[in-house]
Protein backbone atom coordinates (compact mmCIF):
# COMPACT_ATOMS: atom_id res chain seq x y z
CA MET A 1 -144.44 -24.58 -62.12
CA ASN A 2 -144.17 -22.02 -64.88
CA VAL A 3 -145.78 -18.72 -64.05
CA SER A 4 -146.54 -16.40 -66.96
CA ARG A 5 -145.38 -12.85 -66.57
CA PRO A 6 -148.11 -10.20 -66.63
CA VAL A 7 -148.17 -7.51 -69.23
CA VAL A 8 -146.82 -4.27 -67.80
CA ARG A 9 -149.93 -2.19 -67.32
CA LYS A 10 -150.07 1.51 -67.94
CA ALA A 11 -149.71 3.23 -64.62
CA SER A 12 -152.63 5.28 -63.35
CA SER A 13 -152.63 8.81 -64.69
CA LEU A 14 -151.90 11.58 -62.25
CA SER A 15 -155.52 12.68 -62.46
CA SER A 16 -156.97 9.26 -61.62
CA ALA A 17 -154.33 8.37 -59.03
CA LEU A 18 -155.02 11.44 -56.91
CA GLY A 19 -158.64 12.07 -57.85
CA LEU A 20 -157.74 15.23 -59.75
CA GLY A 21 -159.74 16.79 -62.55
CA GLU A 22 -158.14 17.11 -65.97
CA LYS A 23 -158.84 20.87 -65.95
CA LEU A 24 -156.32 21.21 -63.14
CA PHE A 25 -153.56 20.81 -65.74
CA ALA A 26 -154.91 23.14 -68.40
CA SER A 27 -151.80 25.25 -69.05
CA ALA A 28 -148.85 24.04 -71.09
CA GLY A 29 -146.53 24.20 -68.09
CA ASP A 30 -148.94 22.22 -65.93
CA ARG A 31 -149.33 19.61 -68.65
CA ARG A 32 -145.56 19.18 -68.81
CA PHE A 33 -145.55 18.74 -65.04
CA ALA A 34 -148.32 16.14 -65.19
CA SER A 35 -146.58 14.32 -68.03
CA ALA A 36 -143.35 14.13 -66.03
CA VAL A 37 -145.15 12.58 -63.08
CA GLU A 38 -146.98 10.11 -65.31
CA ASP A 39 -143.70 9.10 -66.97
CA GLY A 40 -142.36 8.48 -63.49
CA LEU A 41 -145.38 6.35 -62.65
CA ASP A 42 -144.75 4.20 -65.72
CA ALA A 43 -141.14 3.72 -64.61
CA VAL A 44 -142.26 2.82 -61.10
CA GLU A 45 -144.81 0.32 -62.39
CA SER A 46 -142.41 -1.53 -64.66
CA GLY A 47 -139.78 -1.48 -61.91
CA LEU A 48 -142.23 -2.97 -59.40
CA LEU A 49 -142.86 -5.95 -61.66
CA GLU A 50 -139.13 -6.53 -61.91
CA GLU A 51 -138.31 -5.96 -58.23
CA MET A 52 -141.18 -8.18 -57.07
CA SER A 53 -140.11 -11.16 -59.19
CA PHE A 54 -138.81 -14.23 -57.34
CA ALA A 55 -137.10 -17.34 -58.66
CA ASP A 56 -139.32 -19.39 -56.36
CA SER A 57 -142.62 -19.88 -58.21
CA LEU A 58 -144.84 -19.71 -55.11
CA ALA A 59 -143.19 -16.54 -53.83
CA ASP A 60 -143.38 -15.05 -57.32
CA THR A 61 -147.12 -15.70 -57.50
CA THR A 62 -148.06 -14.61 -53.98
CA SER A 63 -145.90 -11.47 -53.94
CA ARG A 64 -147.47 -10.07 -57.11
CA TYR A 65 -151.01 -11.04 -56.14
CA LEU A 66 -152.10 -7.70 -54.70
CA LEU A 67 -149.90 -5.73 -57.12
CA ASP A 68 -151.74 -7.28 -60.04
CA ALA A 69 -155.10 -6.65 -58.32
CA GLY A 70 -154.70 -2.91 -58.91
CA GLY A 71 -154.46 0.11 -56.67
CA LYS A 72 -154.07 3.81 -57.39
CA ARG A 73 -150.37 4.04 -56.45
CA ILE A 74 -151.07 7.10 -54.30
CA ARG A 75 -147.83 6.88 -52.33
CA PRO A 76 -145.49 6.63 -55.34
CA THR A 77 -147.41 9.45 -56.97
CA LEU A 78 -146.87 11.70 -53.97
CA ALA A 79 -143.14 10.94 -54.01
CA LEU A 80 -142.98 11.84 -57.69
CA LEU A 81 -145.06 14.98 -57.11
CA THR A 82 -142.84 16.39 -54.38
CA ALA A 83 -139.73 15.43 -56.41
CA GLN A 84 -140.80 18.05 -58.95
CA LEU A 85 -139.81 20.64 -56.33
CA GLY A 86 -136.24 19.50 -56.98
CA ASN A 87 -134.57 17.57 -59.79
CA GLY A 88 -137.64 15.53 -60.71
CA ASN A 89 -137.68 11.85 -61.63
CA VAL A 90 -134.08 10.98 -60.85
CA GLU A 91 -133.20 7.31 -60.39
CA ALA A 92 -133.21 7.55 -56.59
CA VAL A 93 -136.75 8.95 -56.55
CA ILE A 94 -138.03 6.15 -58.79
CA GLY A 95 -136.40 3.58 -56.51
CA ALA A 96 -137.85 5.18 -53.40
CA ALA A 97 -141.33 5.28 -54.95
CA GLN A 98 -141.07 1.56 -55.69
CA ALA A 99 -139.89 0.80 -52.16
CA ILE A 100 -142.72 2.82 -50.63
CA GLU A 101 -145.34 0.97 -52.69
CA MET A 102 -143.80 -2.39 -51.83
CA THR A 103 -143.90 -1.46 -48.15
CA HIS A 104 -147.55 -0.50 -48.49
CA LEU A 105 -148.37 -3.77 -50.24
CA ALA A 106 -146.52 -5.74 -47.56
CA SER A 107 -148.57 -4.04 -44.85
CA LEU A 108 -151.79 -5.03 -46.64
CA TYR A 109 -150.88 -8.72 -46.50
CA HIS A 110 -150.30 -8.42 -42.77
CA ASP A 111 -153.31 -6.20 -42.07
CA ASP A 112 -155.70 -8.62 -43.76
CA VAL A 113 -154.46 -11.46 -41.57
CA MET A 114 -154.79 -9.34 -38.42
CA ASP A 115 -158.27 -8.11 -39.38
CA GLU A 116 -159.41 -11.45 -40.85
CA ALA A 117 -160.44 -9.54 -43.97
CA GLN A 118 -161.79 -11.73 -46.75
CA MET A 119 -161.51 -9.27 -49.67
CA ARG A 120 -158.87 -6.82 -50.86
CA ARG A 121 -159.03 -4.74 -54.04
CA GLY A 122 -161.98 -6.75 -55.32
CA VAL A 123 -160.28 -10.16 -54.98
CA PRO A 124 -160.07 -12.66 -52.11
CA SER A 125 -157.39 -11.61 -49.65
CA ALA A 126 -154.09 -13.49 -49.80
CA HIS A 127 -154.66 -15.36 -46.55
CA ALA A 128 -158.08 -16.47 -47.81
CA VAL A 129 -156.33 -18.04 -50.82
CA TRP A 130 -153.11 -19.45 -49.32
CA GLY A 131 -153.61 -19.26 -45.55
CA ASN A 132 -152.20 -17.02 -42.83
CA SER A 133 -148.64 -18.30 -42.85
CA VAL A 134 -148.12 -17.76 -46.58
CA ALA A 135 -149.70 -14.30 -46.42
CA ILE A 136 -147.50 -13.24 -43.49
CA LEU A 137 -144.34 -14.59 -45.10
CA THR A 138 -145.20 -12.88 -48.39
CA GLY A 139 -145.53 -9.58 -46.55
CA ASP A 140 -142.15 -10.23 -44.94
CA LEU A 141 -140.61 -10.92 -48.37
CA LEU A 142 -141.89 -7.61 -49.68
CA PHE A 143 -140.59 -5.74 -46.64
CA ALA A 144 -137.21 -7.35 -47.30
CA ARG A 145 -137.22 -6.38 -50.99
CA ALA A 146 -138.19 -2.82 -50.09
CA SER A 147 -135.28 -2.68 -47.65
CA LYS A 148 -132.88 -3.86 -50.36
CA LEU A 149 -134.03 -1.03 -52.60
CA VAL A 150 -133.71 1.59 -49.89
CA ALA A 151 -130.26 0.33 -48.91
CA GLY A 152 -128.87 1.90 -52.07
CA LEU A 153 -130.45 5.30 -51.51
CA GLY A 154 -128.28 6.64 -48.71
CA GLU A 155 -128.39 6.99 -44.94
CA ALA A 156 -131.28 9.48 -44.83
CA ALA A 157 -133.56 7.15 -46.78
CA ILE A 158 -132.53 4.11 -44.74
CA ARG A 159 -133.21 5.92 -41.47
CA LEU A 160 -136.58 7.22 -42.68
CA GLN A 161 -137.65 3.76 -43.82
CA ALA A 162 -136.66 2.26 -40.47
CA GLU A 163 -138.53 4.95 -38.54
CA THR A 164 -141.61 4.50 -40.73
CA PHE A 165 -141.54 0.71 -40.38
CA GLU A 166 -141.35 1.13 -36.60
CA ARG A 167 -144.40 3.39 -36.65
CA LEU A 168 -146.34 0.96 -38.85
CA CYS A 169 -145.68 -1.83 -36.34
CA LEU A 170 -146.48 0.34 -33.33
CA GLY A 171 -149.71 1.50 -34.94
CA GLN A 172 -150.82 -2.08 -35.51
CA LEU A 173 -149.77 -3.06 -31.99
CA HIS A 174 -151.69 -0.18 -30.42
CA GLU A 175 -154.75 -0.92 -32.54
CA THR A 176 -154.62 -4.57 -31.46
CA MET A 177 -154.21 -3.81 -27.75
CA GLY A 178 -156.64 -0.88 -27.65
CA PRO A 179 -156.41 2.26 -25.50
CA ARG A 180 -155.08 2.20 -21.96
CA ASP A 181 -157.51 2.81 -19.11
CA ASP A 182 -156.21 6.37 -18.73
CA GLU A 183 -156.26 7.10 -22.50
CA ASP A 184 -159.07 8.71 -24.46
CA PRO A 185 -160.27 6.15 -27.05
CA ILE A 186 -160.69 8.78 -29.77
CA ASP A 187 -157.23 10.26 -29.24
CA HIS A 188 -155.84 6.72 -29.25
CA TYR A 189 -157.60 5.93 -32.53
CA LEU A 190 -156.34 9.06 -34.28
CA SER A 191 -152.83 8.24 -33.10
CA VAL A 192 -153.17 4.75 -34.60
CA LEU A 193 -154.24 6.25 -37.93
CA ALA A 194 -151.28 8.63 -37.92
CA ASP A 195 -148.93 5.67 -37.41
CA LYS A 196 -150.59 3.09 -39.66
CA THR A 197 -151.62 5.32 -42.56
CA GLY A 198 -150.17 8.79 -42.17
CA SER A 199 -146.56 7.76 -41.55
CA LEU A 200 -146.07 5.96 -44.89
CA ILE A 201 -147.77 8.69 -46.91
CA ALA A 202 -145.62 11.26 -45.12
CA ALA A 203 -142.50 9.20 -45.85
CA ALA A 204 -143.37 9.10 -49.54
CA ALA A 205 -143.74 12.87 -49.73
CA GLN A 206 -140.56 13.42 -47.72
CA LEU A 207 -138.45 11.04 -49.83
CA GLY A 208 -139.47 12.91 -52.98
CA VAL A 209 -138.03 16.11 -51.53
CA VAL A 210 -134.89 14.57 -50.06
CA LEU A 211 -133.85 12.41 -53.00
CA SER A 212 -134.59 15.04 -55.65
CA GLN A 213 -132.39 17.46 -53.72
CA ALA A 214 -135.23 19.95 -53.40
CA PRO A 215 -134.70 22.84 -50.93
CA ALA A 216 -134.45 21.47 -47.40
CA GLN A 217 -137.12 23.86 -46.08
CA TYR A 218 -139.77 21.91 -48.01
CA ARG A 219 -139.17 18.69 -46.09
CA VAL A 220 -141.17 19.57 -42.97
CA PRO A 221 -144.22 20.99 -44.82
CA VAL A 222 -144.65 17.95 -47.11
CA THR A 223 -144.13 15.58 -44.17
CA GLU A 224 -146.83 17.31 -42.13
CA PHE A 225 -149.08 17.35 -45.20
CA GLY A 226 -148.58 13.62 -45.77
CA GLU A 227 -149.37 12.60 -42.22
CA LYS A 228 -152.45 14.78 -41.90
CA VAL A 229 -153.83 13.86 -45.30
CA GLY A 230 -153.28 10.19 -44.42
CA VAL A 231 -155.46 10.53 -41.32
CA ALA A 232 -158.12 12.33 -43.37
CA PHE A 233 -158.00 9.55 -45.95
CA GLN A 234 -158.60 6.86 -43.33
CA LEU A 235 -161.41 8.80 -41.64
CA VAL A 236 -163.21 9.03 -44.96
CA ASP A 237 -162.70 5.28 -45.35
CA ASP A 238 -164.45 4.87 -41.98
CA VAL A 239 -167.48 6.59 -43.48
CA ILE A 240 -167.28 4.69 -46.78
CA ASP A 241 -167.20 1.44 -44.79
CA LEU A 242 -170.78 2.13 -43.71
CA ALA A 243 -172.06 2.73 -47.24
CA PRO A 244 -173.79 0.19 -49.49
CA PRO A 245 -171.20 -1.91 -51.38
CA LEU A 246 -169.84 -1.00 -54.78
CA ASP A 247 -169.71 -3.87 -57.25
CA GLU A 248 -165.96 -3.59 -57.73
CA THR A 249 -165.10 -3.80 -54.03
CA GLY A 250 -167.21 -6.76 -53.06
CA LYS A 251 -167.39 -5.32 -49.54
CA THR A 252 -170.51 -5.46 -47.42
CA PRO A 253 -171.59 -2.49 -45.29
CA GLY A 254 -169.77 -2.34 -41.97
CA THR A 255 -166.91 -4.64 -42.98
CA ASP A 256 -164.55 -3.04 -40.45
CA LEU A 257 -167.13 -3.18 -37.69
CA ARG A 258 -167.91 -6.80 -38.47
CA SER A 259 -164.19 -7.50 -38.05
CA GLY A 260 -164.23 -5.92 -34.62
CA VAL A 261 -162.51 -2.67 -35.65
CA ALA A 262 -163.94 0.30 -33.74
CA THR A 263 -163.89 3.07 -36.34
CA LEU A 264 -164.45 6.73 -35.49
CA PRO A 265 -168.26 6.74 -36.01
CA LEU A 266 -168.57 3.91 -33.48
CA LEU A 267 -166.22 5.63 -31.04
CA TYR A 268 -168.27 8.81 -31.27
CA LEU A 269 -171.43 6.73 -30.76
CA ARG A 270 -169.96 5.15 -27.63
CA ARG A 271 -169.19 8.57 -26.20
CA LEU A 272 -172.67 9.87 -27.02
CA ALA A 273 -174.32 6.75 -25.61
CA THR A 274 -173.35 7.78 -22.08
CA THR A 275 -175.91 10.60 -22.22
CA ASP A 276 -178.26 9.73 -25.12
CA VAL A 277 -180.77 6.87 -24.85
CA ASP A 278 -181.25 6.43 -28.62
CA ALA A 279 -177.50 6.32 -29.18
CA ALA A 280 -177.16 3.74 -26.40
CA GLU A 281 -179.85 1.57 -28.00
CA LEU A 282 -178.17 1.70 -31.43
CA LEU A 283 -174.79 0.95 -29.86
CA THR A 284 -176.26 -2.10 -28.08
CA ARG A 285 -177.66 -3.45 -31.36
CA ILE A 286 -174.38 -2.99 -33.23
CA GLU A 287 -172.16 -4.46 -30.53
CA ARG A 288 -174.54 -7.39 -30.00
CA ASP A 289 -174.37 -8.28 -33.68
CA VAL A 290 -170.58 -7.84 -33.79
CA ASN A 291 -170.18 -10.22 -30.87
CA THR A 292 -172.57 -12.86 -32.22
CA ALA A 293 -171.04 -12.64 -35.71
CA HIS A 294 -167.94 -14.39 -34.40
CA TYR A 295 -170.13 -17.42 -33.67
CA GLY A 296 -172.07 -17.26 -36.94
CA ALA A 297 -175.28 -16.36 -35.12
CA ALA A 298 -175.75 -12.75 -36.17
CA ASP A 299 -178.88 -11.73 -38.08
CA ASP A 300 -177.33 -10.08 -41.13
CA ASP A 301 -180.47 -8.15 -42.02
CA GLU A 302 -180.65 -6.64 -38.54
CA PHE A 303 -176.96 -5.79 -38.57
CA THR A 304 -177.19 -4.22 -42.02
CA ALA A 305 -180.13 -2.13 -40.83
CA ALA A 306 -178.16 -0.96 -37.79
CA ILE A 307 -175.20 -0.04 -40.02
CA ALA A 308 -177.52 1.96 -42.29
CA GLU A 309 -178.83 3.81 -39.23
CA LEU A 310 -175.28 4.55 -38.12
CA ARG A 311 -174.50 5.87 -41.61
CA GLN A 312 -177.27 8.48 -41.23
CA HIS A 313 -176.44 9.29 -37.60
CA GLU A 314 -174.93 12.58 -36.46
CA VAL A 315 -171.77 10.74 -35.34
CA THR A 316 -171.00 9.90 -38.97
CA ARG A 317 -171.50 13.52 -39.98
CA GLN A 318 -169.14 14.38 -37.14
CA THR A 319 -166.59 11.95 -38.60
CA VAL A 320 -166.87 13.65 -42.00
CA ALA A 321 -166.29 17.01 -40.32
CA GLU A 322 -163.20 15.62 -38.57
CA ALA A 323 -161.86 14.36 -41.91
CA HIS A 324 -162.37 17.83 -43.37
CA ARG A 325 -160.46 19.32 -40.44
CA TRP A 326 -157.45 17.07 -41.01
CA ALA A 327 -157.50 17.74 -44.76
CA ARG A 328 -157.72 21.50 -44.15
CA GLU A 329 -154.74 21.39 -41.79
CA ALA A 330 -152.83 19.34 -44.37
CA VAL A 331 -153.33 22.08 -46.95
CA GLU A 332 -152.38 24.77 -44.44
CA ALA A 333 -149.07 22.95 -43.89
CA LEU A 334 -148.20 23.56 -47.55
CA ALA A 335 -147.97 27.34 -47.06
CA PRO A 336 -144.13 27.43 -47.30
CA LEU A 337 -144.17 25.72 -50.72
CA PRO A 338 -143.89 27.91 -53.82
CA GLU A 339 -147.02 28.58 -55.85
CA GLY A 340 -147.16 26.25 -58.82
CA PRO A 341 -148.37 22.85 -60.05
CA VAL A 342 -146.98 20.83 -57.11
CA LYS A 343 -148.77 22.90 -54.49
CA LYS A 344 -151.89 23.00 -56.65
CA ALA A 345 -151.92 19.22 -57.13
CA LEU A 346 -151.34 18.48 -53.44
CA THR A 347 -154.10 20.90 -52.44
CA ARG A 348 -156.54 19.36 -54.89
CA PHE A 349 -155.61 15.89 -53.65
CA ALA A 350 -156.51 16.82 -50.08
CA ASP A 351 -159.83 18.24 -51.27
CA SER A 352 -160.59 15.14 -53.36
CA ILE A 353 -160.07 12.86 -50.36
CA VAL A 354 -162.88 14.40 -48.34
CA GLU A 355 -165.13 14.64 -51.40
CA ARG A 356 -165.23 10.83 -51.46
CA SER A 357 -167.52 10.92 -48.43
CA SER A 358 -170.23 13.00 -50.10
């Protein structure tokens, strides 16, 4: 079967990729900085299309499925951003940015199988199109290709990729098994987010510093920033999951809850339900509908109404406040970085993440 090659799309601009306003780059020096990052994004994008090509027609189609569906390329952008603290868009940084995005894409194929998600980036998930086995194997292929890229980047990059991959797997395992009897469910959940989301974002920021030969003292600050901002990002997604659907996502309110994922608003509700009658009643309605949904017996109108009530509940406001706390700590971690466009862009990125919940 002949598969036509897609046209290389223009990579997301720095402003759109990180949710930054154009006014952030008003000065000539800042515009040169932004242009350098955007040039790097173009190189990453064209390289991804090449690296994710397979001679096998099925593998070629399935591996590029989510790549072609879009995405903001946040992780490659962060690698390119932190690389500007050193020698900028050197070949090793471009390769690392590609490998990080491929790793992220691979994890999406696997996550959608685990969560039984039917949509991803506005299109049917890969397992909904080709089945679980093809989706899992496609994710494995992308992990393998990412490893081939990293293999040429030196021992530090290889070790960091291996450590990050281990954390991704552990995060998914711990999410699947749930907290131990002696473990606080909220602490467990935040730990899962740090592993599943924060670790890869932190790796992207760290690789930008290491492979651009930026000063070594910047490695720890950007790593801490990446992990904390990753947790904030996912907590905001927990809130967005409760909101009415946007046309481009195709998601229905409470998609994660319908899939049996206990997000932070629900965990807060469970804790409150031990002392609050109204919270206990809402929790009963939500968990009843989640359980019956697996048998196709849930009343969707009732469940949607319960999700809307949860959206307006104090536990969701508490989740937003927790996201702000993680974003604030992410920015505080950047204190050792020099003043300039990199620090300014990273700070604005953290702010823009929590603004999505308003």
